[in-house]
Amino acid sequence: MLEFVIPCLLGLESLVDDEIKKLGLSDVRVENGRVLCRGEARDIARLNINLRCGARVILVLHKFRATDFERSEERRVGKECRS
């Protein structure tokens, strides 16, 4: 399963949540200014076409905790070098 982040305007999270649930995606979580969910690769196009309140669909490739900007840059550069 892939993880998606759908950013939206503040206050529209519940509308985006409803739209995603109607599309049948799983593990939908609402946060301030965004909605997270899980789905398959084919769901990317379905989300892009059917979401009216979500700004875009972002595919989560990697997660890590960055306590400051330097740590963030270390992780980002490290990922690019391994590719």
C-alpha atoms as a PDB file:
ATOM      1  CA  MET A   1       0.000   0.000   0.000  1.00  0.00           C
ATOM      2  CA  LEU A   2       1.122   3.511  -0.798  1.00  0.00           C
ATOM      3  CA  GLU A   3       0.622   6.499   1.486  1.00  0.00           C
ATOM      4  CA  PHE A   4      -0.844   9.728   0.108  1.00  0.00           C
ATOM      5  CA  VAL A   5      -1.047  13.229   1.548  1.00  0.00           C
ATOM      6  CA  ILE A   6      -3.760  15.527   0.216  1.00  0.00           C
ATOM      7  CA  PRO A   7      -3.248  19.150   1.301  1.00  0.00           C
ATOM      8  CA  CYS A   8      -6.300  21.397   1.455  1.00  0.00           C
ATOM      9  CA  LEU A   9      -7.441  24.748   2.770  1.00  0.00           C
ATOM     10  CA  LEU A  10      -8.001  24.939   6.516  1.00  0.00           C
ATOM     11  CA  GLY A  11     -11.580  24.046   7.308  1.00  0.00           C
ATOM     12  CA  LEU A  12     -12.069  21.790   4.277  1.00  0.00           C
ATOM     13  CA  GLU A  13     -10.431  18.708   5.802  1.00  0.00           C
ATOM     14  CA  SER A  14     -13.734  17.027   6.646  1.00  0.00           C
ATOM     15  CA  LEU A  15     -15.005  17.511   3.082  1.00  0.00           C
ATOM     16  CA  VAL A  16     -11.834  15.958   1.672  1.00  0.00           C
ATOM     17  CA  ASP A  17     -12.176  13.135   4.217  1.00  0.00           C
ATOM     18  CA  ASP A  18     -15.713  12.410   2.980  1.00  0.00           C
ATOM     19  CA  GLU A  19     -14.632  12.501  -0.679  1.00  0.00           C
ATOM     20  CA  ILE A  20     -11.800  10.035  -0.021  1.00  0.00           C
ATOM     21  CA  LYS A  21     -14.025   7.653   1.929  1.00  0.00           C
ATOM     22  CA  LYS A  22     -16.591   7.684  -0.909  1.00  0.00           C
ATOM     23  CA  LEU A  23     -13.777   6.562  -3.235  1.00  0.00           C
ATOM     24  CA  GLY A  24     -13.178   3.572  -0.941  1.00  0.00           C
ATOM     25  CA  LEU A  25      -9.640   4.335   0.226  1.00  0.00           C
ATOM     26  CA  SER A  26      -8.463   3.006   3.576  1.00  0.00           C
ATOM     27  CA  ASP A  27      -6.798   4.380   6.698  1.00  0.00           C
ATOM     28  CA  VAL A  28      -8.013   7.966   6.223  1.00  0.00           C
ATOM     29  CA  ARG A  29      -6.617  10.381   8.837  1.00  0.00           C
ATOM     30  CA  VAL A  30      -7.477  14.066   9.098  1.00  0.00           C
ATOM     31  CA  GLU A  31      -4.919  16.645  10.251  1.00  0.00           C
ATOM     32  CA  ASN A  32      -4.855  20.439  10.109  1.00  0.00           C
ATOM     33  CA  GLY A  33      -4.591  21.465   6.468  1.00  0.00           C
ATOM     34  CA  ARG A  34      -4.226  17.939   5.101  1.00  0.00           C
ATOM     35  CA  VAL A  35      -5.710  14.478   4.896  1.00  0.00           C
ATOM     36  CA  LEU A  36      -3.641  11.291   4.811  1.00  0.00           C
ATOM     37  CA  CYS A  37      -4.766   7.967   3.356  1.00  0.00           C
ATOM     38  CA  ARG A  38      -3.515   4.706   1.891  1.00  0.00           C
ATOM     39  CA  GLY A  39      -4.226   3.164  -1.474  1.00  0.00           C
ATOM     40  CA  GLU A  40      -2.826   1.553  -4.597  1.00  0.00           C
ATOM     41  CA  ALA A  41      -0.989   3.210  -7.490  1.00  0.00           C
ATOM     42  CA  ARG A  42      -4.203   3.278  -9.553  1.00  0.00           C
ATOM     43  CA  ASP A  43      -5.820   5.414  -6.835  1.00  0.00           C
ATOM     44  CA  ILE A  44      -3.519   8.360  -7.619  1.00  0.00           C
ATOM     45  CA  ALA A  45      -5.424   9.136 -10.833  1.00  0.00           C
ATOM     46  CA  ARG A  46      -8.803   8.488  -9.171  1.00  0.00           C
ATOM     47  CA  LEU A  47      -7.961  10.947  -6.401  1.00  0.00           C
ATOM     48  CA  ASN A  48      -6.692  13.600  -8.817  1.00  0.00           C
ATOM     49  CA  ILE A  49      -9.814  13.371 -10.957  1.00  0.00           C
ATOM     50  CA  ASN A  50     -12.463  13.050  -8.236  1.00  0.00           C
ATOM     51  CA  LEU A  51     -11.277  15.293  -5.392  1.00  0.00           C
ATOM     52  CA  ARG A  52     -12.855  18.729  -5.578  1.00  0.00           C
ATOM     53  CA  CYS A  53     -11.580  20.202  -2.301  1.00  0.00           C
ATOM     54  CA  GLY A  54      -8.076  18.709  -2.158  1.00  0.00           C
ATOM     55  CA  ALA A  55      -5.278  20.789  -3.686  1.00  0.00           C
ATOM     56  CA  ARG A  56      -3.102  17.921  -4.972  1.00  0.00           C
ATOM     57  CA  VAL A  57      -2.124  14.321  -4.282  1.00  0.00           C
ATOM     58  CA  ILE A  58       1.347  13.791  -2.827  1.00  0.00           C
ATOM     59  CA  LEU A  59       2.920  10.331  -2.682  1.00  0.00           C
ATOM     60  CA  VAL A  60       4.977   9.760   0.484  1.00  0.00           C
ATOM     61  CA  LEU A  61       8.304   8.217  -0.552  1.00  0.00           C
ATOM     62  CA  HIS A  62      10.197   8.329   2.749  1.00  0.00           C
ATOM     63  CA  LYS A  63       9.733   9.594   6.309  1.00  0.00           C
ATOM     64  CA  PHE A  64      12.277  10.709   8.866  1.00  0.00           C
ATOM     65  CA  ARG A  65      12.361  13.012  11.886  1.00  0.00           C
ATOM     66  CA  ALA A  66      14.356  16.193  11.374  1.00  0.00           C
ATOM     67  CA  THR A  67      14.836  18.215  14.546  1.00  0.00           C
ATOM     68  CA  ASP A  68      16.530  21.072  12.684  1.00  0.00           C
ATOM     69  CA  PHE A  69      17.373  22.235   9.158  1.00  0.00           C
ATOM     70  CA  GLU A  70      20.871  20.683   9.159  1.00  0.00           C
ATOM     71  CA  ARG A  71      19.486  17.234   9.978  1.00  0.00           C
ATOM     72  CA  SER A  72      16.930  17.619   7.197  1.00  0.00           C
ATOM     73  CA  GLU A  73      19.659  18.495   4.696  1.00  0.00           C
ATOM     74  CA  GLU A  74      21.837  15.561   5.821  1.00  0.00           C
ATOM     75  CA  ARG A  75      18.994  13.100   5.197  1.00  0.00           C
ATOM     76  CA  ARG A  76      18.016  14.683   1.874  1.00  0.00           C
ATOM     77  CA  VAL A  77      21.560  14.674   0.512  1.00  0.00           C
ATOM     78  CA  GLY A  78      22.120  11.156   1.818  1.00  0.00           C
ATOM     79  CA  LYS A  79      19.118   9.858  -0.136  1.00  0.00           C
ATOM     80  CA  GLU A  80      20.276  11.521  -3.358  1.00  0.00           C
ATOM     81  CA  CYS A  81      23.779  10.035  -3.063  1.00  0.00           C
ATOM     82  CA  ARG A  82      22.478   6.481  -2.666  1.00  0.00           C
ATOM     83  CA  SER A  83      20.369   6.621  -5.832  1.00  0.00           C
END
